PDB file of N, CA and C in Angstrom:
ATOM      1  N   MET A   1      -4.212  -9.184  -3.088  1.00  0.00           N
ATOM      2  CA  MET A   1      -4.306 -10.628  -3.027  1.00  0.00           C
ATOM      3  C   MET A   1      -5.732 -11.077  -3.310  1.00  0.00           C
ATOM      4  N   GLY A   2      -6.699 -10.383  -2.735  1.00  0.00           N
ATOM      5  CA  GLY A   2      -8.087 -10.757  -2.925  1.00  0.00           C
ATOM      6  C   GLY A   2      -8.534 -10.626  -4.359  1.00  0.00           C
ATOM      7  N   GLU A   3      -8.048  -9.590  -5.048  1.00  0.00           N
ATOM      8  CA  GLU A   3      -8.419  -9.403  -6.443  1.00  0.00           C
ATOM      9  C   GLU A   3      -7.879 -10.533  -7.306  1.00  0.00           C
ATOM     10  N   GLY A   4      -6.674 -10.980  -7.022  1.00  0.00           N
ATOM     11  CA  GLY A   4      -6.089 -12.076  -7.789  1.00  0.00           C
ATOM     12  C   GLY A   4      -6.869 -13.363  -7.621  1.00  0.00           C
ATOM     13  N   VAL A   5      -7.342 -13.616  -6.403  1.00  0.00           N
ATOM     14  CA  VAL A   5      -8.143 -14.827  -6.157  1.00  0.00           C
ATOM     15  C   VAL A   5      -9.467 -14.723  -6.900  1.00  0.00           C
ATOM     16  N   ASP A   6     -10.078 -13.537  -6.889  1.00  0.00           N
ATOM     17  CA  ASP A   6     -11.341 -13.350  -7.612  1.00  0.00           C
ATOM     18  C   ASP A   6     -11.158 -13.571  -9.111  1.00  0.00           C
ATOM     19  N   GLU A   7     -10.077 -13.042  -9.656  1.00  0.00           N
ATOM     20  CA  GLU A   7      -9.816 -13.212 -11.086  1.00  0.00           C
ATOM     21  C   GLU A   7      -9.564 -14.675 -11.434  1.00  0.00           C
ATOM     22  N   LEU A   8      -8.820 -15.359 -10.571  1.00  0.00           N
ATOM     23  CA  LEU A   8      -8.562 -16.777 -10.803  1.00  0.00           C
ATOM     24  C   LEU A   8      -9.856 -17.576 -10.753  1.00  0.00           C
ATOM     25  N   ALA A   9     -10.728 -17.257  -9.804  1.00  0.00           N
ATOM     26  CA  ALA A   9     -12.018 -17.946  -9.711  1.00  0.00           C
ATOM     27  C   ALA A   9     -12.859 -17.690 -10.956  1.00  0.00           C
ATOM     28  N   ALA A  10     -12.817 -16.468 -11.481  1.00  0.00           N
ATOM     29  CA  ALA A  10     -13.574 -16.152 -12.692  1.00  0.00           C
ATOM     30  C   ALA A  10     -13.036 -16.934 -13.888  1.00  0.00           C
ATOM     31  N   VAL A  11     -11.723 -17.037 -14.005  1.00  0.00           N
ATOM     32  CA  VAL A  11     -11.122 -17.785 -15.121  1.00  0.00           C
ATOM     33  C   VAL A  11     -11.495 -19.262 -15.028  1.00  0.00           C
ATOM     34  N   ILE A  12     -11.449 -19.804 -13.829  1.00  0.00           N
ATOM     35  CA  ILE A  12     -11.820 -21.219 -13.661  1.00  0.00           C
ATOM     36  C   ILE A  12     -13.294 -21.417 -13.990  1.00  0.00           C
ATOM     37  N   GLY A  13     -14.123 -20.482 -13.572  1.00  0.00           N
ATOM     38  CA  GLY A  13     -15.548 -20.575 -13.893  1.00  0.00           C
ATOM     39  C   GLY A  13     -15.817 -20.529 -15.385  1.00  0.00           C
ATOM     40  N   VAL A  14     -15.145 -19.621 -16.076  1.00  0.00           N
ATOM     41  CA  VAL A  14     -15.312 -19.538 -17.532  1.00  0.00           C
ATOM     42  C   VAL A  14     -14.849 -20.839 -18.188  1.00  0.00           C
ATOM     43  N   PHE A  15     -13.739 -21.404 -17.686  1.00  0.00           N
ATOM     44  CA  PHE A  15     -13.251 -22.665 -18.245  1.00  0.00           C
ATOM     45  C   PHE A  15     -14.301 -23.760 -18.127  1.00  0.00           C
ATOM     46  N   PHE A  16     -14.926 -23.888 -16.960  1.00  0.00           N
ATOM     47  CA  PHE A  16     -15.907 -24.965 -16.793  1.00  0.00           C
ATOM     48  C   PHE A  16     -17.185 -24.704 -17.586  1.00  0.00           C
ATOM     49  N   ILE A  17     -17.547 -23.450 -17.786  1.00  0.00           N
ATOM     50  CA  ILE A  17     -18.689 -23.150 -18.652  1.00  0.00           C
ATOM     51  C   ILE A  17     -18.372 -23.556 -20.089  1.00  0.00           C
ATOM     52  N   LEU A  18     -17.172 -23.208 -20.568  1.00  0.00           N
ATOM     53  CA  LEU A  18     -16.783 -23.604 -21.924  1.00  0.00           C
ATOM     54  C   LEU A  18     -16.670 -25.119 -22.046  1.00  0.00           C
ATOM     55  N   ARG A  19     -16.204 -25.763 -21.006  1.00  0.00           N
ATOM     56  CA  ARG A  19     -16.066 -27.217 -21.021  1.00  0.00           C
ATOM     57  C   ARG A  19     -17.445 -27.875 -21.109  1.00  0.00           C
ATOM     58  N   HIS A  20     -18.408 -27.263 -20.451  1.00  0.00           N
ATOM     59  CA  HIS A  20     -19.767 -27.799 -20.490  1.00  0.00           C
ATOM     60  C   HIS A  20     -20.345 -27.716 -21.904  1.00  0.00           C
ATOM     61  N   PHE A  21     -20.064 -26.612 -22.605  1.00  0.00           N
ATOM     62  CA  PHE A  21     -20.609 -26.439 -23.948  1.00  0.00           C
ATOM     63  C   PHE A  21     -19.889 -27.290 -24.980  1.00  0.00           C
ATOM     64  N   ASN A  22     -18.554 -27.253 -24.976  1.00  0.00           N
ATOM     65  CA  ASN A  22     -17.826 -27.917 -26.046  1.00  0.00           C
ATOM     66  C   ASN A  22     -16.401 -28.173 -25.574  1.00  0.00           C
ATOM     67  N   SER A  23     -15.906 -29.364 -25.800  1.00  0.00           N
ATOM     68  CA  SER A  23     -14.549 -29.685 -25.350  1.00  0.00           C
ATOM     69  C   SER A  23     -13.491 -28.954 -26.168  1.00  0.00           C
ATOM     70  N   SER A  24     -13.760 -28.702 -27.450  1.00  0.00           N
ATOM     71  CA  SER A  24     -12.781 -27.962 -28.255  1.00  0.00           C
ATOM     72  C   SER A  24     -12.696 -26.507 -27.806  1.00  0.00           C
ATOM     73  N   ALA A  25     -13.802 -25.949 -27.311  1.00  0.00           N
ATOM     74  CA  ALA A  25     -13.767 -24.580 -26.789  1.00  0.00           C
ATOM     75  C   ALA A  25     -12.921 -24.511 -25.523  1.00  0.00           C
ATOM     76  N   SER A  26     -13.040 -25.529 -24.684  1.00  0.00           N
ATOM     77  CA  SER A  26     -12.210 -25.534 -23.469  1.00  0.00           C
ATOM     78  C   SER A  26     -10.744 -25.737 -23.809  1.00  0.00           C
ATOM     79  N   THR A  27     -10.459 -26.531 -24.834  1.00  0.00           N
ATOM     80  CA  THR A  27      -9.076 -26.711 -25.273  1.00  0.00           C
ATOM     81  C   THR A  27      -8.505 -25.399 -25.807  1.00  0.00           C
ATOM     82  N   ALA A  28      -9.304 -24.689 -26.593  1.00  0.00           N
ATOM     83  CA  ALA A  28      -8.859 -23.391 -27.111  1.00  0.00           C
ATOM     84  C   ALA A  28      -8.638 -22.402 -25.976  1.00  0.00           C
ATOM     85  N   PHE A  29      -9.478 -22.452 -24.959  1.00  0.00           N
ATOM     86  CA  PHE A  29      -9.327 -21.577 -23.794  1.00  0.00           C
ATOM     87  C   PHE A  29      -8.018 -21.874 -23.067  1.00  0.00           C
ATOM     88  N   ILE A  30      -7.710 -23.143 -22.895  1.00  0.00           N
ATOM     89  CA  ILE A  30      -6.462 -23.532 -22.219  1.00  0.00           C
ATOM     90  C   ILE A  30      -5.262 -23.033 -23.021  1.00  0.00           C
ATOM     91  N   TRP A  31      -5.277 -23.206 -24.342  1.00  0.00           N
ATOM     92  CA  TRP A  31      -4.170 -22.730 -25.170  1.00  0.00           C
ATOM     93  C   TRP A  31      -4.044 -21.216 -25.122  1.00  0.00           C
ATOM     94  N   THR A  32      -5.169 -20.522 -25.020  1.00  0.00           N
ATOM     95  CA  THR A  32      -5.134 -19.068 -24.917  1.00  0.00           C
ATOM     96  C   THR A  32      -4.483 -18.629 -23.611  1.00  0.00           C
ATOM     97  N   VAL A  33      -4.840 -19.287 -22.530  1.00  0.00           N
ATOM     98  CA  VAL A  33      -4.249 -18.946 -21.226  1.00  0.00           C
ATOM     99  C   VAL A  33      -2.750 -19.233 -21.227  1.00  0.00           C
ATOM    100  N   ILE A  34      -2.364 -20.381 -21.762  1.00  0.00           N
ATOM    101  CA  ILE A  34      -0.935 -20.729 -21.809  1.00  0.00           C
ATOM    102  C   ILE A  34      -0.178 -19.735 -22.684  1.00  0.00           C
ATOM    103  N   SER A  35      -0.751 -19.365 -23.808  1.00  0.00           N
ATOM    104  CA  SER A  35      -0.105 -18.399 -24.701  1.00  0.00           C
ATOM    105  C   SER A  35       0.046 -17.040 -24.013  1.00  0.00           C
ATOM    106  N   ALA A  36      -0.987 -16.613 -23.309  1.00  0.00           N
ATOM    107  CA  ALA A  36      -0.924 -15.321 -22.619  1.00  0.00           C
ATOM    108  C   ALA A  36       0.149 -15.333 -21.543  1.00  0.00           C
ATOM    109  N   ILE A  37       0.237 -16.415 -20.803  1.00  0.00           N
ATOM    110  CA  ILE A  37       1.253 -16.513 -19.749  1.00  0.00           C
ATOM    111  C   ILE A  37       2.652 -16.502 -20.360  1.00  0.00           C
ATOM    112  N   GLY A  38       2.818 -17.086 -21.527  1.00  0.00           N
ATOM    113  CA  GLY A  38       4.130 -17.118 -22.166  1.00  0.00           C
ATOM    114  C   GLY A  38       4.481 -15.858 -22.928  1.00  0.00           C
ATOM    115  N   ILE A  39       3.492 -15.226 -23.536  1.00  0.00           N
ATOM    116  CA  ILE A  39       3.757 -14.073 -24.406  1.00  0.00           C
ATOM    117  C   ILE A  39       3.882 -12.771 -23.634  1.00  0.00           C
ATOM    118  N   VAL A  40       3.100 -12.587 -22.599  1.00  0.00           N
ATOM    119  CA  VAL A  40       3.099 -11.313 -21.870  1.00  0.00           C
ATOM    120  C   VAL A  40       4.479 -10.969 -21.298  1.00  0.00           C
ATOM    121  N   PRO A  41       5.188 -11.885 -20.634  1.00  0.00           N
ATOM    122  CA  PRO A  41       6.523 -11.512 -20.141  1.00  0.00           C
ATOM    123  C   PRO A  41       7.496 -11.135 -21.262  1.00  0.00           C
ATOM    124  N   ILE A  42       7.381 -11.799 -22.412  1.00  0.00           N
ATOM    125  CA  ILE A  42       8.256 -11.469 -23.537  1.00  0.00           C
ATOM    126  C   ILE A  42       7.948 -10.069 -24.054  1.00  0.00           C
ATOM    127  N   LEU A  43       6.665  -9.742 -24.169  1.00  0.00           N
ATOM    128  CA  LEU A  43       6.292  -8.403 -24.625  1.00  0.00           C
ATOM    129  C   LEU A  43       6.723  -7.331 -23.627  1.00  0.00           C
ATOM    130  N   VAL A  44       6.628  -7.618 -22.347  1.00  0.00           N
ATOM    131  CA  VAL A  44       7.071  -6.668 -21.331  1.00  0.00           C
ATOM    132  C   VAL A  44       8.578  -6.456 -21.427  1.00  0.00           C
ATOM    133  N   LEU A  45       9.332  -7.520 -21.647  1.00  0.00           N
ATOM    134  CA  LEU A  45      10.782  -7.389 -21.789  1.00  0.00           C
ATOM    135  C   LEU A  45      11.135  -6.548 -23.009  1.00  0.00           C
ATOM    136  N   ILE A  46      10.454  -6.782 -24.127  1.00  0.00           N
ATOM    137  CA  ILE A  46      10.711  -5.989 -25.330  1.00  0.00           C
ATOM    138  C   ILE A  46      10.394  -4.519 -25.068  1.00  0.00           C
ATOM    139  N   TRP A  47       9.271  -4.249 -24.401  1.00  0.00           N
ATOM    140  CA  TRP A  47       8.899  -2.861 -24.096  1.00  0.00           C
ATOM    141  C   TRP A  47       9.930  -2.216 -23.175  1.00  0.00           C
ATOM    142  N   LEU A  48      10.396  -2.951 -22.178  1.00  0.00           N
ATOM    143  CA  LEU A  48      11.383  -2.408 -21.247  1.00  0.00           C
ATOM    144  C   LEU A  48      12.694  -2.088 -21.958  1.00  0.00           C
ATOM    145  N   LEU A  49      13.138  -2.955 -22.843  1.00  0.00           N
ATOM    146  CA  LEU A  49      14.367  -2.692 -23.592  1.00  0.00           C
ATOM    147  C   LEU A  49      14.200  -1.495 -24.524  1.00  0.00           C
ATOM    148  N   ALA A  50      13.051  -1.404 -25.175  1.00  0.00           N
ATOM    149  CA  ALA A  50      12.798  -0.260 -26.055  1.00  0.00           C
ATOM    150  C   ALA A  50      12.757   1.033 -25.250  1.00  0.00           C
ATOM    151  N   TYR A  51      12.134   1.014 -24.090  1.00  0.00           N
ATOM    152  CA  TYR A  51      12.075   2.193 -23.231  1.00  0.00           C
ATOM    153  C   TYR A  51      13.475   2.620 -22.794  1.00  0.00           C
ATOM    154  N   ALA A  52      14.305   1.648 -22.436  1.00  0.00           N
ATOM    155  CA  ALA A  52      15.667   1.964 -21.994  1.00  0.00           C
ATOM    156  C   ALA A  52      16.490   2.551 -23.138  1.00  0.00           C
ATOM    157  N   VAL A  53      16.335   2.019 -24.335  1.00  0.00           N
ATOM    158  CA  VAL A  53      17.086   2.533 -25.481  1.00  0.00           C
ATOM    159  C   VAL A  53      16.630   3.942 -25.837  1.00  0.00           C
ATOM    160  N   ILE A  54      15.328   4.172 -25.834  1.00  0.00           N
ATOM    161  CA  ILE A  54      14.799   5.475 -26.212  1.00  0.00           C
ATOM    162  C   ILE A  54      15.160   6.542 -25.181  1.00  0.00           C
ATOM    163  N   ASN A  55      15.106   6.198 -23.916  1.00  0.00           N
ATOM    164  CA  ASN A  55      15.288   7.194 -22.856  1.00  0.00           C
ATOM    165  C   ASN A  55      16.626   7.075 -22.130  1.00  0.00           C
ATOM    166  N   ARG A  56      17.623   6.473 -22.738  1.00  0.00           N
ATOM    167  CA  ARG A  56      18.884   6.250 -22.026  1.00  0.00           C
ATOM    168  C   ARG A  56      19.578   7.549 -21.644  1.00  0.00           C
ATOM    169  N   LYS A  57      19.488   8.579 -22.463  1.00  0.00           N
ATOM    170  CA  LYS A  57      20.132   9.854 -22.133  1.00  0.00           C
ATOM    171  C   LYS A  57      19.443  10.507 -20.943  1.00  0.00           C
ATOM    172  N   GLU A  58      18.125  10.522 -20.955  1.00  0.00           N
ATOM    173  CA  GLU A  58      17.397  11.111 -19.842  1.00  0.00           C
ATOM    174  C   GLU A  58      17.628  10.336 -18.553  1.00  0.00           C
ATOM    175  N   LEU A  59      17.653   9.008 -18.645  1.00  0.00           N
ATOM    176  CA  LEU A  59      17.890   8.190 -17.465  1.00  0.00           C
ATOM    177  C   LEU A  59      19.290   8.421 -16.904  1.00  0.00           C
ATOM    178  N   ALA A  60      20.280   8.589 -17.779  1.00  0.00           N
ATOM    179  CA  ALA A  60      21.648   8.842 -17.328  1.00  0.00           C
ATOM    180  C   ALA A  60      21.746  10.193 -16.625  1.00  0.00           C
ATOM    181  N   VAL A  61      21.077  11.206 -17.167  1.00  0.00           N
ATOM    182  CA  VAL A  61      21.104  12.527 -16.550  1.00  0.00           C
ATOM    183  C   VAL A  61      20.429  12.475 -15.178  1.00  0.00           C
ATOM    184  N   GLU A  62      19.295  11.797 -15.073  1.00  0.00           N
ATOM    185  CA  GLU A  62      18.601  11.677 -13.797  1.00  0.00           C
ATOM    186  C   GLU A  62      19.449  10.929 -12.778  1.00  0.00           C
ATOM    187  N   GLN A  63      20.118   9.866 -13.208  1.00  0.00           N
ATOM    188  CA  GLN A  63      20.943   9.088 -12.292  1.00  0.00           C
ATOM    189  C   GLN A  63      22.128   9.909 -11.815  1.00  0.00           C
ATOM    190  N   GLN A  64      22.755  10.660 -12.704  1.00  0.00           N
ATOM    191  CA  GLN A  64      23.889  11.484 -12.317  1.00  0.00           C
ATOM    192  C   GLN A  64      23.447  12.601 -11.376  1.00  0.00           C
ATOM    193  N   ALA A  65      22.296  13.197 -11.637  1.00  0.00           N
ATOM    194  CA  ALA A  65      21.796  14.259 -10.772  1.00  0.00           C
ATOM    195  C   ALA A  65      21.479  13.728  -9.382  1.00  0.00           C
ATOM    196  N   SER A  66      20.904  12.548  -9.296  1.00  0.00           N
ATOM    197  CA  SER A  66      20.573  11.993  -7.985  1.00  0.00           C
ATOM    198  C   SER A  66      21.827  11.567  -7.232  1.00  0.00           C
ATOM    199  N   SER A  67      22.860  11.127  -7.930  1.00  0.00           N
ATOM    200  CA  SER A  67      24.088  10.727  -7.239  1.00  0.00           C
ATOM    201  C   SER A  67      24.857  11.934  -6.722  1.00  0.00           C
ATOM    202  N   THR A  68      24.741  13.093  -7.369  1.00  0.00           N
ATOM    203  CA  THR A  68      25.430  14.276  -6.876  1.00  0.00           C
ATOM    204  C   THR A  68      24.674  14.930  -5.727  1.00  0.00           C
ATOM    205  N   ARG A  69      23.355  14.756  -5.687  1.00  0.00           N
ATOM    206  CA  ARG A  69      22.574  15.322  -4.592  1.00  0.00           C
ATOM    207  C   ARG A  69      22.726  14.510  -3.321  1.00  0.00           C
ATOM    208  N   ASN A  70      22.714  13.206  -3.418  1.00  0.00           N
ATOM    209  CA  ASN A  70      22.789  12.329  -2.259  1.00  0.00           C
ATOM    210  C   ASN A  70      24.116  11.585  -2.270  1.00  0.00           C
ATOM    211  N   PRO A  71      24.903  11.695  -1.192  1.00  0.00           N
ATOM    212  CA  PRO A  71      26.145  10.915  -1.159  1.00  0.00           C
ATOM    213  C   PRO A  71      25.826   9.427  -1.102  1.00  0.00           C
ATOM    214  N   THR A  72      26.722   8.640  -1.631  1.00  0.00           N
ATOM    215  CA  THR A  72      26.482   7.201  -1.657  1.00  0.00           C
ATOM    216  C   THR A  72      26.617   6.627  -0.264  1.00  0.00           C
ATOM    217  N   GLN A  73      26.153   5.412  -0.099  1.00  0.00           N
ATOM    218  CA  GLN A  73      26.195   4.752   1.202  1.00  0.00           C
ATOM    219  C   GLN A  73      27.638   4.528   1.624  1.00  0.00           C
ATOM    220  N   GLU A  74      28.540   4.260   0.687  1.00  0.00           N
ATOM    221  CA  GLU A  74      29.936   4.042   1.031  1.00  0.00           C
ATOM    222  C   GLU A  74      30.549   5.290   1.644  1.00  0.00           C
ATOM    223  N   GLN A  75      30.208   6.448   1.114  1.00  0.00           N
ATOM    224  CA  GLN A  75      30.751   7.685   1.663  1.00  0.00           C
ATOM    225  C   GLN A  75      30.212   7.932   3.061  1.00  0.00           C
ATOM    226  N   LYS A  76      28.989   7.572   3.320  1.00  0.00           N
ATOM    227  CA  LYS A  76      28.415   7.768   4.641  1.00  0.00           C
ATOM    228  C   LYS A  76      29.065   6.860   5.672  1.00  0.00           C
ATOM    229  N   THR A  77      29.375   5.615   5.293  1.00  0.00           N
ATOM    230  CA  THR A  77      29.914   4.672   6.261  1.00  0.00           C
ATOM    231  C   THR A  77      31.392   4.902   6.523  1.00  0.00           C
ATOM    232  N   THR A  78      32.119   5.536   5.609  1.00  0.00           N
ATOM    233  CA  THR A  78      33.545   5.742   5.833  1.00  0.00           C
ATOM    234  C   THR A  78      33.815   6.894   6.783  1.00  0.00           C
ATOM    235  N   GLU A  79      32.852   7.781   6.960  1.00  0.00           N
ATOM    236  CA  GLU A  79      33.040   8.886   7.876  1.00  0.00           C
ATOM    237  C   GLU A  79      32.935   8.380   9.309  1.00  0.00           C
ATOM    238  N   GLN A  80      33.971   8.625  10.110  1.00  0.00           N
ATOM    239  CA  GLN A  80      33.990   8.185  11.488  1.00  0.00           C
ATOM    240  C   GLN A  80      33.411   9.273  12.383  1.00  0.00           C
ATOM    241  N   PRO A  81      32.537   8.908  13.302  1.00  0.00           N
ATOM    242  CA  PRO A  81      32.017   9.921  14.204  1.00  0.00           C
ATOM    243  C   PRO A  81      33.121  10.379  15.167  1.00  0.00           C
ATOM    244  N   THR A  82      33.122  11.648  15.472  1.00  0.00           N
ATOM    245  CA  THR A  82      34.134  12.182  16.373  1.00  0.00           C
ATOM    246  C   THR A  82      33.717  11.899  17.805  1.00  0.00           C
ATOM    247  N   THR A  83      34.671  11.426  18.593  1.00  0.00           N
ATOM    248  CA  THR A  83      34.389  11.138  19.998  1.00  0.00           C
ATOM    249  C   THR A  83      35.156  12.124  20.862  1.00  0.00           C
ATOM    250  N   ASN A  84      34.613  12.418  21.999  1.00  0.00           N
ATOM    251  CA  ASN A  84      35.232  13.342  22.937  1.00  0.00           C
ATOM    252  C   ASN A  84      36.138  12.547  23.856  1.00  0.00           C
ATOM    253  N   ALA A  85      37.457  12.727  23.765  1.00  0.00           N
ATOM    254  CA  ALA A  85      38.423  11.944  24.522  1.00  0.00           C
ATOM    255  C   ALA A  85      38.822  12.636  25.814  1.00  0.00           C
ATOM    256  N   GLU A  86      38.130  13.675  26.236  1.00  0.00           N
ATOM    257  CA  GLU A  86      38.496  14.401  27.435  1.00  0.00           C
ATOM    258  C   GLU A  86      38.111  13.657  28.699  1.00  0.00           C
ATOM    259  N   SER A  87      37.175  12.743  28.676  1.00  0.00           N
ATOM    260  CA  SER A  87      36.759  12.095  29.908  1.00  0.00           C
ATOM    261  C   SER A  87      37.609  10.959  30.335  1.00  0.00           C
TER     262      SER A  87
END
């Protein structure tokens, strides 16, 4: 959390320095920030889809191996504990 606040303070500081020098520089800075906020999630989504397509066989094998090693939660909850009815 602290690092994010520091980075935000640095960005705001750079903006006001650019604003002091030239208004068109501050406008370009604002457009750059807006573009980065809009483009980065799209690029991450494209990378994630490409990763899933490239590694889908390996991911399927890993998922199947983990499901055979660990029983699912449904199987655990359906098992009834045995009670001693002698008392």
